[in-house]
Amino acid sequence: MSQGRKIEIFGAGCPVCEKARALVERLACPSCTVEVLDMHDPSVAERAKEYGIRSVPAVVVDGRLAQCCAGRGPDEATLRAAGIGVPPGD
């Protein structure tokens, strides 16, 4: 018999995170294990960094960051392109 999927939800308790949690729990199969992790806990935040999580909510399935959660969050190039670091009028 195969083991179920391990699903980790990284969140901060905000309404958007709670909505993502509810969606995952609704979609999860009976053999899935769902774990909700609070990003306010420094050890959870460190673990999230190891997965490459840059914003929440984020979902990890069997040790892999779900594609929908990858590549989000601010990065230096995008922020600079938006004008951060450049005085107005320059």
PDB file of N, CA and C in Angstrom:
ATOM      1  N   MET A   1       0.829  -1.177   0.000  1.00  0.00           N
ATOM      2  CA  MET A   1       0.000   0.000   0.000  1.00  0.00           C
ATOM      3  C   MET A   1       0.881   1.251   0.000  1.00  0.00           C
ATOM      4  N   SER A   2       0.570   2.208  -0.891  1.00  0.00           N
ATOM      5  CA  SER A   2       1.402   3.399  -0.979  1.00  0.00           C
ATOM      6  C   SER A   2       1.025   4.390   0.118  1.00  0.00           C
ATOM      7  N   GLN A   3       2.006   5.158   0.492  1.00  0.00           N
ATOM      8  CA  GLN A   3       1.814   6.153   1.529  1.00  0.00           C
ATOM      9  C   GLN A   3       1.167   7.383   0.906  1.00  0.00           C
ATOM     10  N   GLY A   4       0.370   8.127   1.656  1.00  0.00           N
ATOM     11  CA  GLY A   4      -0.288   9.324   1.144  1.00  0.00           C
ATOM     12  C   GLY A   4       0.672  10.476   0.971  1.00  0.00           C
ATOM     13  N   ARG A   5       0.183  11.508   0.362  1.00  0.00           N
ATOM     14  CA  ARG A   5       0.988  12.705   0.152  1.00  0.00           C
ATOM     15  C   ARG A   5       1.136  13.502   1.446  1.00  0.00           C
ATOM     16  N   LYS A   6       2.284  14.158   1.574  1.00  0.00           N
ATOM     17  CA  LYS A   6       2.518  15.074   2.685  1.00  0.00           C
ATOM     18  C   LYS A   6       2.389  16.481   2.129  1.00  0.00           C
ATOM     19  N   ILE A   7       1.449  17.235   2.665  1.00  0.00           N
ATOM     20  CA  ILE A   7       1.189  18.586   2.207  1.00  0.00           C
ATOM     21  C   ILE A   7       1.481  19.549   3.351  1.00  0.00           C
ATOM     22  N   GLU A   8       2.325  20.541   3.077  1.00  0.00           N
ATOM     23  CA  GLU A   8       2.671  21.551   4.066  1.00  0.00           C
ATOM     24  C   GLU A   8       2.166  22.896   3.561  1.00  0.00           C
ATOM     25  N   ILE A   9       1.429  23.597   4.413  1.00  0.00           N
ATOM     26  CA  ILE A   9       0.921  24.915   4.070  1.00  0.00           C
ATOM     27  C   ILE A   9       1.652  25.921   4.944  1.00  0.00           C
ATOM     28  N   PHE A  10       2.395  26.818   4.304  1.00  0.00           N
ATOM     29  CA  PHE A  10       3.115  27.868   5.017  1.00  0.00           C
ATOM     30  C   PHE A  10       2.264  29.128   4.963  1.00  0.00           C
ATOM     31  N   GLY A  11       1.943  29.673   6.130  1.00  0.00           N
ATOM     32  CA  GLY A  11       1.102  30.859   6.174  1.00  0.00           C
ATOM     33  C   GLY A  11       1.406  31.706   7.386  1.00  0.00           C
ATOM     34  N   ALA A  12       0.670  32.821   7.465  1.00  0.00           N
ATOM     35  CA  ALA A  12       0.879  33.753   8.570  1.00  0.00           C
ATOM     36  C   ALA A  12      -0.421  34.064   9.305  1.00  0.00           C
ATOM     37  N   GLY A  13      -1.448  33.263   9.060  1.00  0.00           N
ATOM     38  CA  GLY A  13      -2.710  33.458   9.756  1.00  0.00           C
ATOM     39  C   GLY A  13      -3.606  34.524   9.159  1.00  0.00           C
ATOM     40  N   CYS A  14      -3.220  35.089   8.024  1.00  0.00           N
ATOM     41  CA  CYS A  14      -4.036  36.129   7.396  1.00  0.00           C
ATOM     42  C   CYS A  14      -5.230  35.489   6.676  1.00  0.00           C
ATOM     43  N   PRO A  15      -6.225  36.287   6.305  1.00  0.00           N
ATOM     44  CA  PRO A  15      -7.395  35.736   5.623  1.00  0.00           C
ATOM     45  C   PRO A  15      -7.055  34.991   4.324  1.00  0.00           C
ATOM     46  N   VAL A  16      -6.087  35.479   3.575  1.00  0.00           N
ATOM     47  CA  VAL A  16      -5.693  34.800   2.331  1.00  0.00           C
ATOM     48  C   VAL A  16      -5.067  33.443   2.652  1.00  0.00           C
ATOM     49  N   CYS A  17      -4.255  33.386   3.686  1.00  0.00           N
ATOM     50  CA  CYS A  17      -3.643  32.115   4.105  1.00  0.00           C
ATOM     51  C   CYS A  17      -4.709  31.133   4.578  1.00  0.00           C
ATOM     52  N   GLU A  18      -5.678  31.625   5.315  1.00  0.00           N
ATOM     53  CA  GLU A  18      -6.758  30.765   5.800  1.00  0.00           C
ATOM     54  C   GLU A  18      -7.591  30.224   4.644  1.00  0.00           C
ATOM     55  N   LYS A  19      -7.804  31.037   3.632  1.00  0.00           N
ATOM     56  CA  LYS A  19      -8.545  30.590   2.450  1.00  0.00           C
ATOM     57  C   LYS A  19      -7.768  29.486   1.723  1.00  0.00           C
ATOM     58  N   ALA A  20      -6.444  29.654   1.608  1.00  0.00           N
ATOM     59  CA  ALA A  20      -5.612  28.629   0.971  1.00  0.00           C
ATOM     60  C   ALA A  20      -5.645  27.336   1.781  1.00  0.00           C
ATOM     61  N   ARG A  21      -5.599  27.459   3.110  1.00  0.00           N
ATOM     62  CA  ARG A  21      -5.670  26.283   3.970  1.00  0.00           C
ATOM     63  C   ARG A  21      -6.976  25.532   3.749  1.00  0.00           C
ATOM     64  N   ALA A  22      -8.073  26.263   3.720  1.00  0.00           N
ATOM     65  CA  ALA A  22      -9.382  25.641   3.524  1.00  0.00           C
ATOM     66  C   ALA A  22      -9.457  24.944   2.162  1.00  0.00           C
ATOM     67  N   LEU A  23      -8.890  25.564   1.127  1.00  0.00           N
ATOM     68  CA  LEU A  23      -8.891  24.961  -0.208  1.00  0.00           C
ATOM     69  C   LEU A  23      -8.097  23.663  -0.218  1.00  0.00           C
ATOM     70  N   VAL A  24      -6.907  23.687   0.355  1.00  0.00           N
ATOM     71  CA  VAL A  24      -6.070  22.477   0.386  1.00  0.00           C
ATOM     72  C   VAL A  24      -6.767  21.382   1.179  1.00  0.00           C
ATOM     73  N   GLU A  25      -7.332  21.725   2.319  1.00  0.00           N
ATOM     74  CA  GLU A  25      -8.005  20.709   3.129  1.00  0.00           C
ATOM     75  C   GLU A  25      -9.227  20.134   2.406  1.00  0.00           C
ATOM     76  N   ARG A  26      -9.900  20.955   1.612  1.00  0.00           N
ATOM     77  CA  ARG A  26     -11.052  20.468   0.844  1.00  0.00           C
ATOM     78  C   ARG A  26     -10.612  19.527  -0.272  1.00  0.00           C
ATOM     79  N   LEU A  27      -9.466  19.826  -0.893  1.00  0.00           N
ATOM     80  CA  LEU A  27      -8.980  19.032  -2.024  1.00  0.00           C
ATOM     81  C   LEU A  27      -8.208  17.783  -1.604  1.00  0.00           C
ATOM     82  N   ALA A  28      -7.677  17.783  -0.396  1.00  0.00           N
ATOM     83  CA  ALA A  28      -6.815  16.687   0.064  1.00  0.00           C
ATOM     84  C   ALA A  28      -7.576  15.363   0.092  1.00  0.00           C
ATOM     85  N   CYS A  29      -6.873  14.308  -0.289  1.00  0.00           N
ATOM     86  CA  CYS A  29      -7.460  12.976  -0.267  1.00  0.00           C
ATOM     87  C   CYS A  29      -7.408  12.409   1.154  1.00  0.00           C
ATOM     88  N   PRO A  30      -8.159  11.362   1.434  1.00  0.00           N
ATOM     89  CA  PRO A  30      -8.163  10.787   2.785  1.00  0.00           C
ATOM     90  C   PRO A  30      -6.780  10.319   3.266  1.00  0.00           C
ATOM     91  N   SER A  31      -5.908   9.941   2.326  1.00  0.00           N
ATOM     92  CA  SER A  31      -4.583   9.478   2.742  1.00  0.00           C
ATOM     93  C   SER A  31      -3.547  10.593   2.789  1.00  0.00           C
ATOM     94  N   CYS A  32      -3.963  11.835   2.515  1.00  0.00           N
ATOM     95  CA  CYS A  32      -3.047  12.976   2.576  1.00  0.00           C
ATOM     96  C   CYS A  32      -2.875  13.434   4.021  1.00  0.00           C
ATOM     97  N   THR A  33      -1.673  13.868   4.333  1.00  0.00           N
ATOM     98  CA  THR A  33      -1.385  14.486   5.619  1.00  0.00           C
ATOM     99  C   THR A  33      -1.188  15.972   5.363  1.00  0.00           C
ATOM    100  N   VAL A  34      -1.997  16.796   5.995  1.00  0.00           N
ATOM    101  CA  VAL A  34      -1.907  18.250   5.818  1.00  0.00           C
ATOM    102  C   VAL A  34      -1.376  18.865   7.101  1.00  0.00           C
ATOM    103  N   GLU A  35      -0.304  19.645   6.955  1.00  0.00           N
ATOM    104  CA  GLU A  35       0.303  20.315   8.104  1.00  0.00           C
ATOM    105  C   GLU A  35       0.314  21.818   7.830  1.00  0.00           C
ATOM    106  N   VAL A  36      -0.230  22.593   8.744  1.00  0.00           N
ATOM    107  CA  VAL A  36      -0.254  24.047   8.631  1.00  0.00           C
ATOM    108  C   VAL A  36       0.894  24.595   9.467  1.00  0.00           C
ATOM    109  N   LEU A  37       1.750  25.395   8.829  1.00  0.00           N
ATOM    110  CA  LEU A  37       2.947  25.906   9.487  1.00  0.00           C
ATOM    111  C   LEU A  37       2.886  27.432   9.577  1.00  0.00           C
ATOM    112  N   ASP A  38       3.172  27.959  10.765  1.00  0.00           N
ATOM    113  CA  ASP A  38       3.074  29.383  11.043  1.00  0.00           C
ATOM    114  C   ASP A  38       4.417  30.076  10.798  1.00  0.00           C
ATOM    115  N   MET A  39       4.428  30.971   9.833  1.00  0.00           N
ATOM    116  CA  MET A  39       5.657  31.684   9.477  1.00  0.00           C
ATOM    117  C   MET A  39       6.148  32.617  10.579  1.00  0.00           C
ATOM    118  N   HIS A  40       5.353  32.851  11.619  1.00  0.00           N
ATOM    119  CA  HIS A  40       5.816  33.653  12.744  1.00  0.00           C
ATOM    120  C   HIS A  40       6.836  32.886  13.587  1.00  0.00           C
ATOM    121  N   ASP A  41       6.899  31.580  13.428  1.00  0.00           N
ATOM    122  CA  ASP A  41       7.857  30.734  14.137  1.00  0.00           C
ATOM    123  C   ASP A  41       9.177  30.772  13.354  1.00  0.00           C
ATOM    124  N   PRO A  42      10.272  31.231  13.967  1.00  0.00           N
ATOM    125  CA  PRO A  42      11.546  31.342  13.261  1.00  0.00           C
ATOM    126  C   PRO A  42      12.017  30.036  12.612  1.00  0.00           C
ATOM    127  N   SER A  43      11.757  28.896  13.238  1.00  0.00           N
ATOM    128  CA  SER A  43      12.196  27.631  12.631  1.00  0.00           C
ATOM    129  C   SER A  43      11.374  27.314  11.379  1.00  0.00           C
ATOM    130  N   VAL A  44      10.113  27.695  11.371  1.00  0.00           N
ATOM    131  CA  VAL A  44       9.274  27.503  10.184  1.00  0.00           C
ATOM    132  C   VAL A  44       9.743  28.437   9.071  1.00  0.00           C
ATOM    133  N   ALA A  45      10.051  29.678   9.422  1.00  0.00           N
ATOM    134  CA  ALA A  45      10.538  30.638   8.432  1.00  0.00           C
ATOM    135  C   ALA A  45      11.845  30.157   7.808  1.00  0.00           C
ATOM    136  N   GLU A  46      12.700  29.570   8.612  1.00  0.00           N
ATOM    137  CA  GLU A  46      13.970  29.034   8.094  1.00  0.00           C
ATOM    138  C   GLU A  46      13.703  27.863   7.144  1.00  0.00           C
ATOM    139  N   ARG A  47      12.782  27.009   7.524  1.00  0.00           N
ATOM    140  CA  ARG A  47      12.410  25.870   6.670  1.00  0.00           C
ATOM    141  C   ARG A  47      11.827  26.372   5.349  1.00  0.00           C
ATOM    142  N   ALA A  48      10.995  27.402   5.407  1.00  0.00           N
ATOM    143  CA  ALA A  48      10.408  27.983   4.200  1.00  0.00           C
ATOM    144  C   ALA A  48      11.504  28.499   3.267  1.00  0.00           C
ATOM    145  N   LYS A  49      12.511  29.116   3.841  1.00  0.00           N
ATOM    146  CA  LYS A  49      13.625  29.628   3.046  1.00  0.00           C
ATOM    147  C   LYS A  49      14.317  28.488   2.290  1.00  0.00           C
ATOM    148  N   GLU A  50      14.448  27.332   2.935  1.00  0.00           N
ATOM    149  CA  GLU A  50      15.076  26.177   2.293  1.00  0.00           C
ATOM    150  C   GLU A  50      14.281  25.695   1.079  1.00  0.00           C
ATOM    151  N   TYR A  51      12.967  25.868   1.119  1.00  0.00           N
ATOM    152  CA  TYR A  51      12.112  25.493  -0.016  1.00  0.00           C
ATOM    153  C   TYR A  51      12.096  26.578  -1.092  1.00  0.00           C
ATOM    154  N   GLY A  52      12.625  27.753  -0.792  1.00  0.00           N
ATOM    155  CA  GLY A  52      12.591  28.854  -1.743  1.00  0.00           C
ATOM    156  C   GLY A  52      11.306  29.659  -1.678  1.00  0.00           C
ATOM    157  N   ILE A  53      10.586  29.541  -0.579  1.00  0.00           N
ATOM    158  CA  ILE A  53       9.332  30.280  -0.409  1.00  0.00           C
ATOM    159  C   ILE A  53       9.653  31.747  -0.180  1.00  0.00           C
ATOM    160  N   ARG A  54       8.994  32.606  -0.978  1.00  0.00           N
ATOM    161  CA  ARG A  54       9.244  34.039  -0.888  1.00  0.00           C
ATOM    162  C   ARG A  54       7.998  34.824  -0.505  1.00  0.00           C
ATOM    163  N   SER A  55       6.851  34.150  -0.494  1.00  0.00           N
ATOM    164  CA  SER A  55       5.615  34.809  -0.070  1.00  0.00           C
ATOM    165  C   SER A  55       4.647  33.744   0.417  1.00  0.00           C
ATOM    166  N   VAL A  56       3.674  34.173   1.193  1.00  0.00           N
ATOM    167  CA  VAL A  56       2.671  33.254   1.722  1.00  0.00           C
ATOM    168  C   VAL A  56       1.293  33.694   1.267  1.00  0.00           C
ATOM    169  N   PRO A  57       0.380  32.774   1.156  1.00  0.00           N
ATOM    170  CA  PRO A  57       0.509  31.368   1.484  1.00  0.00           C
ATOM    171  C   PRO A  57       1.324  30.628   0.434  1.00  0.00           C
ATOM    172  N   ALA A  58       1.945  29.554   0.863  1.00  0.00           N
ATOM    173  CA  ALA A  58       2.700  28.688  -0.035  1.00  0.00           C
ATOM    174  C   ALA A  58       2.409  27.242   0.347  1.00  0.00           C
ATOM    175  N   VAL A  59       2.382  26.385  -0.659  1.00  0.00           N
ATOM    176  CA  VAL A  59       2.057  24.980  -0.444  1.00  0.00           C
ATOM    177  C   VAL A  59       3.203  24.117  -0.967  1.00  0.00           C
ATOM    178  N   VAL A  60       3.635  23.186  -0.131  1.00  0.00           N
ATOM    179  CA  VAL A  60       4.672  22.225  -0.495  1.00  0.00           C
ATOM    180  C   VAL A  60       4.027  20.847  -0.486  1.00  0.00           C
ATOM    181  N   VAL A  61       4.205  20.120  -1.589  1.00  0.00           N
ATOM    182  CA  VAL A  61       3.636  18.783  -1.727  1.00  0.00           C
ATOM    183  C   VAL A  61       4.785  17.788  -1.881  1.00  0.00           C
ATOM    184  N   ASP A  62       4.858  16.858  -0.963  1.00  0.00           N
ATOM    185  CA  ASP A  62       5.917  15.840  -0.974  1.00  0.00           C
ATOM    186  C   ASP A  62       7.306  16.453  -1.129  1.00  0.00           C
ATOM    187  N   GLY A  63       7.545  17.559  -0.398  1.00  0.00           N
ATOM    188  CA  GLY A  63       8.872  18.160  -0.382  1.00  0.00           C
ATOM    189  C   GLY A  63       9.181  19.088  -1.534  1.00  0.00           C
ATOM    190  N   ARG A  64       8.189  19.363  -2.399  1.00  0.00           N
ATOM    191  CA  ARG A  64       8.418  20.251  -3.542  1.00  0.00           C
ATOM    192  C   ARG A  64       7.421  21.398  -3.506  1.00  0.00           C
ATOM    193  N   LEU A  65       7.937  22.616  -3.672  1.00  0.00           N
ATOM    194  CA  LEU A  65       7.093  23.796  -3.691  1.00  0.00           C
ATOM    195  C   LEU A  65       6.166  23.710  -4.901  1.00  0.00           C
ATOM    196  N   ALA A  66       4.872  23.832  -4.665  1.00  0.00           N
ATOM    197  CA  ALA A  66       3.901  23.767  -5.756  1.00  0.00           C
ATOM    198  C   ALA A  66       4.181  24.886  -6.749  1.00  0.00           C
ATOM    199  N   GLN A  67       4.059  24.586  -8.027  1.00  0.00           N
ATOM    200  CA  GLN A  67       4.385  25.536  -9.084  1.00  0.00           C
ATOM    201  C   GLN A  67       3.636  26.858  -8.917  1.00  0.00           C
ATOM    202  N   CYS A  68       2.418  26.798  -8.427  1.00  0.00           N
ATOM    203  CA  CYS A  68       1.633  28.027  -8.241  1.00  0.00           C
ATOM    204  C   CYS A  68       2.253  28.956  -7.217  1.00  0.00           C
ATOM    205  N   CYS A  69       3.136  28.439  -6.389  1.00  0.00           N
ATOM    206  CA  CYS A  69       3.714  29.226  -5.296  1.00  0.00           C
ATOM    207  C   CYS A  69       5.151  29.641  -5.562  1.00  0.00           C
ATOM    208  N   ALA A  70       5.704  29.238  -6.692  1.00  0.00           N
ATOM    209  CA  ALA A  70       7.111  29.526  -6.994  1.00  0.00           C
ATOM    210  C   ALA A  70       7.248  30.877  -7.690  1.00  0.00           C
ATOM    211  N   GLY A  71       8.369  31.524  -7.466  1.00  0.00           N
ATOM    212  CA  GLY A  71       8.708  32.732  -8.192  1.00  0.00           C
ATOM    213  C   GLY A  71       7.933  33.975  -7.804  1.00  0.00           C
ATOM    214  N   ARG A  72       7.243  33.929  -6.697  1.00  0.00           N
ATOM    215  CA  ARG A  72       6.507  35.110  -6.268  1.00  0.00           C
ATOM    216  C   ARG A  72       7.330  35.864  -5.247  1.00  0.00           C
ATOM    217  N   GLY A  73       6.874  37.033  -4.966  1.00  0.00           N
ATOM    218  CA  GLY A  73       7.562  37.853  -3.979  1.00  0.00           C
ATOM    219  C   GLY A  73       8.479  38.853  -4.647  1.00  0.00           C
ATOM    220  N   PRO A  74       8.850  39.887  -3.904  1.00  0.00           N
ATOM    221  CA  PRO A  74       9.682  40.933  -4.491  1.00  0.00           C
ATOM    222  C   PRO A  74      11.110  40.462  -4.713  1.00  0.00           C
ATOM    223  N   ASP A  75      11.706  40.985  -5.769  1.00  0.00           N
ATOM    224  CA  ASP A  75      13.132  40.768  -5.970  1.00  0.00           C
ATOM    225  C   ASP A  75      13.746  42.111  -6.349  1.00  0.00           C
ATOM    226  N   GLU A  76      15.034  42.227  -6.221  1.00  0.00           N
ATOM    227  CA  GLU A  76      15.701  43.519  -6.402  1.00  0.00           C
ATOM    228  C   GLU A  76      15.453  44.104  -7.783  1.00  0.00           C
ATOM    229  N   ALA A  77      15.567  43.303  -8.831  1.00  0.00           N
ATOM    230  CA  ALA A  77      15.406  43.822 -10.190  1.00  0.00           C
ATOM    231  C   ALA A  77      14.008  44.403 -10.402  1.00  0.00           C
ATOM    232  N   THR A  78      12.988  43.716  -9.926  1.00  0.00           N
ATOM    233  CA  THR A  78      11.615  44.192 -10.087  1.00  0.00           C
ATOM    234  C   THR A  78      11.387  45.468  -9.295  1.00  0.00           C
ATOM    235  N   LEU A  79      11.923  45.519  -8.077  1.00  0.00           N
ATOM    236  CA  LEU A  79      11.761  46.713  -7.260  1.00  0.00           C
ATOM    237  C   LEU A  79      12.479  47.916  -7.874  1.00  0.00           C
ATOM    238  N   ARG A  80      13.670  47.684  -8.403  1.00  0.00           N
ATOM    239  CA  ARG A  80      14.399  48.773  -9.050  1.00  0.00           C
ATOM    240  C   ARG A  80      13.660  49.253 -10.301  1.00  0.00           C
ATOM    241  N   ALA A  81      13.099  48.309 -11.069  1.00  0.00           N
ATOM    242  CA  ALA A  81      12.329  48.666 -12.258  1.00  0.00           C
ATOM    243  C   ALA A  81      11.097  49.485 -11.899  1.00  0.00           C
ATOM    244  N   ALA A  82      10.574  49.289 -10.691  1.00  0.00           N
ATOM    245  CA  ALA A  82       9.418  50.054 -10.227  1.00  0.00           C
ATOM    246  C   ALA A  82       9.817  51.439  -9.719  1.00  0.00           C
ATOM    247  N   GLY A  83      11.114  51.694  -9.643  1.00  0.00           N
ATOM    248  CA  GLY A  83      11.581  53.012  -9.240  1.00  0.00           C
ATOM    249  C   GLY A  83      12.166  53.099  -7.851  1.00  0.00           C
ATOM    250  N   ILE A  84      12.211  52.011  -7.126  1.00  0.00           N
ATOM    251  CA  ILE A  84      12.788  52.063  -5.781  1.00  0.00           C
ATOM    252  C   ILE A  84      14.290  52.273  -5.907  1.00  0.00           C
ATOM    253  N   GLY A  85      14.786  53.227  -5.142  1.00  0.00           N
ATOM    254  CA  GLY A  85      16.214  53.544  -5.175  1.00  0.00           C
ATOM    255  C   GLY A  85      16.564  54.652  -6.139  1.00  0.00           C
ATOM    256  N   VAL A  86      15.575  55.136  -6.882  1.00  0.00           N
ATOM    257  CA  VAL A  86      15.801  56.219  -7.831  1.00  0.00           C
ATOM    258  C   VAL A  86      14.892  57.387  -7.434  1.00  0.00           C
ATOM    259  N   PRO A  87      15.465  58.546  -7.127  1.00  0.00           N
ATOM    260  CA  PRO A  87      14.636  59.675  -6.751  1.00  0.00           C
ATOM    261  C   PRO A  87      13.672  60.052  -7.879  1.00  0.00           C
ATOM    262  N   PRO A  88      12.477  60.530  -7.552  1.00  0.00           N
ATOM    263  CA  PRO A  88      11.529  60.954  -8.590  1.00  0.00           C
ATOM    264  C   PRO A  88      12.143  62.030  -9.470  1.00  0.00           C
ATOM    265  N   GLY A  89      11.862  61.937 -10.749  1.00  0.00           N
ATOM    266  CA  GLY A  89      12.367  62.925 -11.688  1.00  0.00           C
ATOM    267  C   GLY A  89      13.708  62.565 -12.293  1.00  0.00           C
ATOM    268  N   ASP A  90      14.373  61.539 -11.805  1.00  0.00           N
ATOM    269  CA  ASP A  90      15.663  61.121 -12.393  1.00  0.00           C
ATOM    270  C   ASP A  90      15.452  60.190 -13.556  1.00  0.00           C
TER     271      ASP A  90
END
